[in-house]
């Protein structure tokens, strides 16, 4: 009887771990949910749209040879100038869709979707 209890306990733990991983509750998934990255390269923001959860810190990396900004159209965030090879971080505080652009190069546009 104790062997059956041991096997049952092991199976229960394995099922719980499997469900946690499927639900995205593992440590790696938790870290991904709290951080996002946008790369600026060839005068484009990538990825766009970036999908994150509210409260996520988004790091913007400038891989271009010139200065850019990461500026929300409605003022939710603004990094100011991000020099070539540098990065800046903003926090997406609330759920919603955030359209953004580069103040220096207005044709550069992107979107963040926060849930």
N, C-alpha and C. Protein backbone atom coordinates (compact mmCIF):
# COMPACT_ATOMS: atom_id res chain seq x y z
N UNK A 1 0.81 -1.18 0.00
CA UNK A 1 0.00 0.00 0.00
C UNK A 1 0.86 1.26 0.00
N UNK A 2 1.99 1.25 0.73
CA UNK A 2 2.84 2.45 0.77
C UNK A 2 3.50 2.69 -0.58
N UNK A 3 3.74 1.62 -1.35
CA UNK A 3 4.32 1.79 -2.68
C UNK A 3 3.32 2.51 -3.59
N UNK A 4 2.05 2.19 -3.48
CA UNK A 4 1.03 2.85 -4.28
C UNK A 4 0.97 4.33 -3.91
N UNK A 5 1.06 4.64 -2.63
CA UNK A 5 1.05 6.04 -2.18
C UNK A 5 2.26 6.79 -2.74
N UNK A 6 3.41 6.13 -2.75
CA UNK A 6 4.63 6.77 -3.28
C UNK A 6 4.49 7.06 -4.76
N UNK A 7 3.98 6.10 -5.50
CA UNK A 7 3.80 6.27 -6.94
C UNK A 7 2.77 7.37 -7.19
N UNK A 8 1.69 7.36 -6.43
CA UNK A 8 0.66 8.39 -6.57
C UNK A 8 1.22 9.78 -6.28
N UNK A 9 2.05 9.89 -5.26
CA UNK A 9 2.66 11.18 -4.92
C UNK A 9 3.57 11.66 -6.04
N UNK A 10 4.37 10.75 -6.59
CA UNK A 10 5.28 11.12 -7.69
C UNK A 10 4.48 11.57 -8.91
N UNK A 11 3.43 10.83 -9.25
CA UNK A 11 2.60 11.19 -10.41
C UNK A 11 1.93 12.54 -10.18
N UNK A 12 1.44 12.78 -8.99
CA UNK A 12 0.80 14.06 -8.67
C UNK A 12 1.77 15.22 -8.84
N UNK A 13 2.98 15.07 -8.35
CA UNK A 13 4.00 16.11 -8.48
C UNK A 13 4.33 16.33 -9.95
N UNK A 14 4.49 15.25 -10.70
CA UNK A 14 4.83 15.38 -12.12
C UNK A 14 3.70 16.09 -12.88
N UNK A 15 2.46 15.75 -12.58
CA UNK A 15 1.34 16.42 -13.23
C UNK A 15 1.30 17.90 -12.88
N UNK A 16 1.53 18.22 -11.63
CA UNK A 16 1.54 19.63 -11.21
C UNK A 16 2.63 20.40 -11.93
N UNK A 17 3.82 19.81 -12.03
CA UNK A 17 4.91 20.48 -12.74
C UNK A 17 4.59 20.65 -14.21
N UNK A 18 4.02 19.61 -14.82
CA UNK A 18 3.64 19.69 -16.22
C UNK A 18 2.62 20.78 -16.47
N UNK A 19 1.60 20.87 -15.61
CA UNK A 19 0.59 21.92 -15.76
C UNK A 19 1.19 23.30 -15.58
N UNK A 20 2.11 23.44 -14.64
CA UNK A 20 2.76 24.74 -14.42
C UNK A 20 3.55 25.16 -15.65
N UNK A 21 4.23 24.21 -16.27
CA UNK A 21 5.01 24.54 -17.46
C UNK A 21 4.10 24.89 -18.63
N UNK A 22 3.02 24.13 -18.80
CA UNK A 22 2.08 24.42 -19.88
C UNK A 22 1.45 25.79 -19.67
N UNK A 23 1.17 26.14 -18.44
CA UNK A 23 0.56 27.44 -18.14
C UNK A 23 1.56 28.58 -18.24
N UNK A 24 2.85 28.26 -18.46
CA UNK A 24 3.86 29.31 -18.57
C UNK A 24 4.30 29.83 -17.22
N UNK A 25 4.20 28.99 -16.19
CA UNK A 25 4.51 29.45 -14.84
C UNK A 25 5.94 29.14 -14.42
N UNK A 26 6.76 28.65 -15.34
CA UNK A 26 8.14 28.35 -14.99
C UNK A 26 8.95 29.61 -14.80
N UNK A 27 10.11 29.53 -14.16
CA UNK A 27 10.93 30.72 -13.90
C UNK A 27 11.32 31.45 -15.17
N UNK A 28 11.64 30.71 -16.22
CA UNK A 28 12.05 31.37 -17.47
C UNK A 28 10.89 32.16 -18.05
N UNK A 29 9.69 31.59 -18.01
CA UNK A 29 8.52 32.30 -18.53
C UNK A 29 8.21 33.53 -17.68
N UNK A 30 8.36 33.41 -16.38
CA UNK A 30 8.11 34.55 -15.51
C UNK A 30 9.07 35.69 -15.85
N UNK A 31 10.33 35.38 -16.12
CA UNK A 31 11.31 36.40 -16.47
C UNK A 31 10.95 37.05 -17.80
N UNK A 32 10.52 36.23 -18.78
CA UNK A 32 10.14 36.78 -20.07
C UNK A 32 8.94 37.71 -19.95
N UNK A 33 8.01 37.37 -19.06
CA UNK A 33 6.80 38.17 -18.91
C UNK A 33 7.11 39.54 -18.31
N UNK A 34 8.24 39.69 -17.65
CA UNK A 34 8.56 40.95 -16.99
C UNK A 34 9.59 41.77 -17.75
N UNK A 35 10.01 41.31 -18.92
CA UNK A 35 11.00 42.04 -19.69
C UNK A 35 10.72 41.87 -21.18
N UNK A 36 10.96 42.92 -21.92
CA UNK A 36 10.81 42.88 -23.37
C UNK A 36 11.92 43.70 -23.99
N UNK A 37 12.20 43.44 -25.25
CA UNK A 37 13.25 44.17 -25.95
C UNK A 37 12.78 44.61 -27.31
N UNK A 38 13.06 45.85 -27.63
CA UNK A 38 12.84 46.39 -28.97
C UNK A 38 14.21 46.78 -29.50
N UNK A 39 14.51 46.36 -30.70
CA UNK A 39 15.78 46.72 -31.33
C UNK A 39 15.53 47.72 -32.45
N UNK A 40 16.37 48.74 -32.51
CA UNK A 40 16.32 49.71 -33.60
C UNK A 40 17.47 49.37 -34.54
N UNK A 41 17.11 49.02 -35.77
CA UNK A 41 18.13 48.68 -36.77
C UNK A 41 17.58 49.02 -38.15
N UNK A 42 18.43 49.61 -38.98
CA UNK A 42 18.02 50.02 -40.34
C UNK A 42 16.79 50.93 -40.30
N UNK A 43 16.76 51.84 -39.32
CA UNK A 43 15.69 52.81 -39.17
C UNK A 43 14.32 52.15 -39.00
N UNK A 44 14.29 51.00 -38.27
CA UNK A 44 13.05 50.30 -37.98
C UNK A 44 13.08 49.80 -36.54
N UNK A 45 11.90 49.76 -35.91
CA UNK A 45 11.72 49.17 -34.59
C UNK A 45 11.30 47.71 -34.79
N UNK A 46 11.92 46.80 -34.04
CA UNK A 46 11.58 45.40 -34.17
C UNK A 46 11.65 44.71 -32.81
N UNK A 47 10.67 43.90 -32.45
CA UNK A 47 9.47 43.57 -33.21
C UNK A 47 8.41 44.63 -33.04
N UNK A 48 7.49 44.66 -33.95
CA UNK A 48 6.33 45.54 -33.85
C UNK A 48 5.16 44.83 -34.50
N UNK A 49 4.14 44.53 -33.75
CA UNK A 49 3.96 44.93 -32.36
C UNK A 49 4.74 44.02 -31.40
N UNK A 50 5.12 44.59 -30.28
CA UNK A 50 5.69 43.83 -29.17
C UNK A 50 4.56 43.57 -28.20
N UNK A 51 4.35 42.31 -27.83
CA UNK A 51 3.28 41.96 -26.89
C UNK A 51 3.88 41.68 -25.52
N UNK A 52 3.39 42.39 -24.51
CA UNK A 52 3.90 42.25 -23.14
C UNK A 52 2.73 42.30 -22.16
N UNK A 53 3.03 42.02 -20.92
CA UNK A 53 2.05 42.18 -19.85
C UNK A 53 2.27 43.55 -19.19
N UNK A 54 1.20 44.13 -18.66
CA UNK A 54 1.32 45.40 -17.95
C UNK A 54 2.34 45.24 -16.82
N UNK A 55 3.17 46.26 -16.62
CA UNK A 55 4.22 46.21 -15.62
C UNK A 55 5.56 45.77 -16.18
N UNK A 56 5.60 45.44 -17.46
CA UNK A 56 6.82 44.97 -18.11
C UNK A 56 7.80 46.11 -18.35
N UNK A 57 9.07 45.82 -18.12
CA UNK A 57 10.14 46.75 -18.50
C UNK A 57 10.56 46.41 -19.92
N UNK A 58 10.57 47.42 -20.77
CA UNK A 58 10.97 47.25 -22.17
C UNK A 58 12.28 47.98 -22.38
N UNK A 59 13.28 47.24 -22.82
CA UNK A 59 14.58 47.83 -23.14
C UNK A 59 14.67 48.05 -24.64
N UNK A 60 15.08 49.25 -25.02
CA UNK A 60 15.23 49.61 -26.42
C UNK A 60 16.72 49.69 -26.71
N UNK A 61 17.18 48.85 -27.65
CA UNK A 61 18.60 48.82 -28.03
C UNK A 61 18.77 49.47 -29.39
N UNK A 62 19.63 50.46 -29.47
CA UNK A 62 19.88 51.16 -30.73
C UNK A 62 21.08 50.52 -31.43
N UNK A 63 20.78 49.72 -32.45
CA UNK A 63 21.82 49.06 -33.24
C UNK A 63 22.09 49.80 -34.55
N UNK A 64 21.58 51.02 -34.66
CA UNK A 64 21.81 51.85 -35.84
C UNK A 64 23.06 52.71 -35.64
N UNK A 65 23.46 53.39 -36.71
CA UNK A 65 24.66 54.23 -36.64
C UNK A 65 24.33 55.68 -36.28
N UNK A 66 23.08 55.95 -35.94
CA UNK A 66 22.66 57.30 -35.60
C UNK A 66 21.77 57.29 -34.35
N UNK A 67 21.55 58.44 -33.78
CA UNK A 67 20.72 58.60 -32.58
C UNK A 67 19.23 58.48 -32.92
N UNK A 68 18.47 57.85 -32.01
CA UNK A 68 17.02 57.73 -32.15
C UNK A 68 16.37 58.01 -30.80
N UNK A 69 15.03 58.12 -30.81
CA UNK A 69 14.26 58.17 -29.56
C UNK A 69 13.22 57.06 -29.61
N UNK A 70 12.62 56.78 -28.47
CA UNK A 70 11.54 55.81 -28.33
C UNK A 70 10.45 56.56 -27.57
N UNK A 71 9.51 57.14 -28.32
CA UNK A 71 8.57 58.10 -27.76
C UNK A 71 7.13 57.67 -28.02
N UNK A 72 6.36 57.50 -26.95
CA UNK A 72 4.94 57.16 -27.09
C UNK A 72 4.18 58.32 -27.70
N UNK A 73 3.29 58.03 -28.61
CA UNK A 73 2.52 59.08 -29.27
C UNK A 73 1.68 59.90 -28.28
N UNK A 74 1.19 59.26 -27.21
CA UNK A 74 0.33 59.95 -26.25
C UNK A 74 1.03 60.25 -24.93
N UNK A 75 2.37 60.21 -24.93
CA UNK A 75 3.13 60.66 -23.76
C UNK A 75 3.35 59.65 -22.64
N UNK A 76 3.01 58.38 -22.84
CA UNK A 76 3.18 57.39 -21.77
C UNK A 76 4.65 57.14 -21.44
N UNK A 77 5.53 57.32 -22.40
CA UNK A 77 6.97 57.16 -22.18
C UNK A 77 7.75 57.93 -23.23
N UNK A 78 8.99 58.27 -22.88
CA UNK A 78 9.90 58.94 -23.81
C UNK A 78 11.31 58.74 -23.28
N UNK A 79 12.13 58.08 -24.04
CA UNK A 79 13.50 57.80 -23.60
C UNK A 79 14.43 58.98 -23.77
N UNK A 80 14.02 59.97 -24.58
CA UNK A 80 14.99 60.98 -24.98
C UNK A 80 15.92 60.33 -26.00
N UNK A 81 17.04 60.97 -26.27
CA UNK A 81 17.98 60.45 -27.26
C UNK A 81 18.63 59.16 -26.79
N UNK A 82 18.68 58.19 -27.71
CA UNK A 82 19.40 56.93 -27.49
C UNK A 82 20.52 56.90 -28.53
N UNK A 83 21.74 57.09 -28.09
CA UNK A 83 22.87 57.11 -29.01
C UNK A 83 23.12 55.74 -29.63
N UNK A 84 23.81 55.74 -30.75
CA UNK A 84 24.18 54.49 -31.41
C UNK A 84 24.93 53.58 -30.43
N UNK A 85 24.52 52.32 -30.38
CA UNK A 85 25.17 51.36 -29.48
C UNK A 85 24.68 51.42 -28.04
N UNK A 86 23.76 52.32 -27.74
CA UNK A 86 23.25 52.46 -26.37
C UNK A 86 21.85 51.88 -26.26
N UNK A 87 21.34 51.86 -25.03
CA UNK A 87 19.98 51.38 -24.81
C UNK A 87 19.31 52.23 -23.74
N UNK A 88 18.00 52.10 -23.65
CA UNK A 88 17.19 52.79 -22.64
C UNK A 88 16.05 51.85 -22.26
N UNK A 89 15.50 52.07 -21.07
CA UNK A 89 14.42 51.21 -20.58
C UNK A 89 13.23 52.04 -20.13
N UNK A 90 12.04 51.57 -20.49
CA UNK A 90 10.79 52.18 -20.03
C UNK A 90 9.93 51.07 -19.43
N UNK A 91 8.97 51.44 -18.60
CA UNK A 91 8.04 50.48 -18.03
C UNK A 91 6.65 50.73 -18.60
N UNK A 92 6.03 49.67 -19.11
CA UNK A 92 4.67 49.76 -19.63
C UNK A 92 3.75 49.47 -18.46
N UNK A 93 3.19 50.51 -17.88
CA UNK A 93 2.50 50.40 -16.60
C UNK A 93 1.09 49.82 -16.67
N UNK A 94 0.34 50.12 -17.73
CA UNK A 94 -1.06 49.73 -17.79
C UNK A 94 -1.35 48.94 -19.06
N UNK A 95 -2.38 48.09 -19.04
CA UNK A 95 -2.80 47.41 -20.27
C UNK A 95 -3.24 48.42 -21.32
N UNK A 96 -3.04 48.08 -22.57
CA UNK A 96 -3.47 48.95 -23.66
C UNK A 96 -2.55 48.83 -24.85
N UNK A 97 -2.85 49.57 -25.88
CA UNK A 97 -2.03 49.62 -27.09
C UNK A 97 -1.29 50.95 -27.10
N UNK A 98 0.01 50.87 -27.24
CA UNK A 98 0.87 52.06 -27.20
C UNK A 98 1.55 52.22 -28.56
N UNK A 99 1.10 53.21 -29.32
CA UNK A 99 1.78 53.56 -30.57
C UNK A 99 2.97 54.45 -30.19
N UNK A 100 4.09 54.26 -30.87
CA UNK A 100 5.28 55.06 -30.58
C UNK A 100 6.01 55.39 -31.87
N UNK A 101 6.98 56.29 -31.76
CA UNK A 101 7.74 56.74 -32.93
C UNK A 101 9.12 57.24 -32.47
N UNK A 102 9.94 57.60 -33.43
CA UNK A 102 11.21 58.27 -33.17
C UNK A 102 11.00 59.75 -33.44
N UNK A 103 11.28 60.59 -32.46
CA UNK A 103 11.11 62.04 -32.61
C UNK A 103 12.02 62.61 -33.69
N UNK A 104 13.17 62.00 -33.90
CA UNK A 104 14.14 62.52 -34.87
C UNK A 104 13.77 62.09 -36.29
N UNK A 105 13.25 60.87 -36.40
CA UNK A 105 12.89 60.29 -37.70
C UNK A 105 11.41 59.87 -37.61
N UNK A 106 10.50 60.80 -37.85
CA UNK A 106 9.07 60.56 -37.63
C UNK A 106 8.47 59.43 -38.44
N UNK A 107 9.14 58.98 -39.48
CA UNK A 107 8.63 57.86 -40.28
C UNK A 107 8.83 56.52 -39.56
N UNK A 108 9.65 56.50 -38.51
CA UNK A 108 9.89 55.28 -37.74
C UNK A 108 8.76 55.14 -36.71
N UNK A 109 7.98 54.05 -36.83
CA UNK A 109 6.83 53.86 -35.95
C UNK A 109 6.73 52.40 -35.50
N UNK A 110 6.07 52.21 -34.37
CA UNK A 110 5.85 50.86 -33.86
C UNK A 110 4.72 50.85 -32.86
N UNK A 111 4.43 49.65 -32.36
CA UNK A 111 3.34 49.47 -31.40
C UNK A 111 3.71 48.47 -30.34
N UNK A 112 3.27 48.74 -29.11
CA UNK A 112 3.36 47.79 -28.02
C UNK A 112 1.93 47.47 -27.61
N UNK A 113 1.62 46.19 -27.43
CA UNK A 113 0.31 45.76 -26.95
C UNK A 113 0.50 45.13 -25.58
N UNK A 114 -0.03 45.77 -24.55
CA UNK A 114 0.11 45.28 -23.17
C UNK A 114 -1.21 44.74 -22.68
N UNK A 115 -1.14 43.55 -22.10
CA UNK A 115 -2.36 42.93 -21.55
C UNK A 115 -2.33 42.94 -20.03
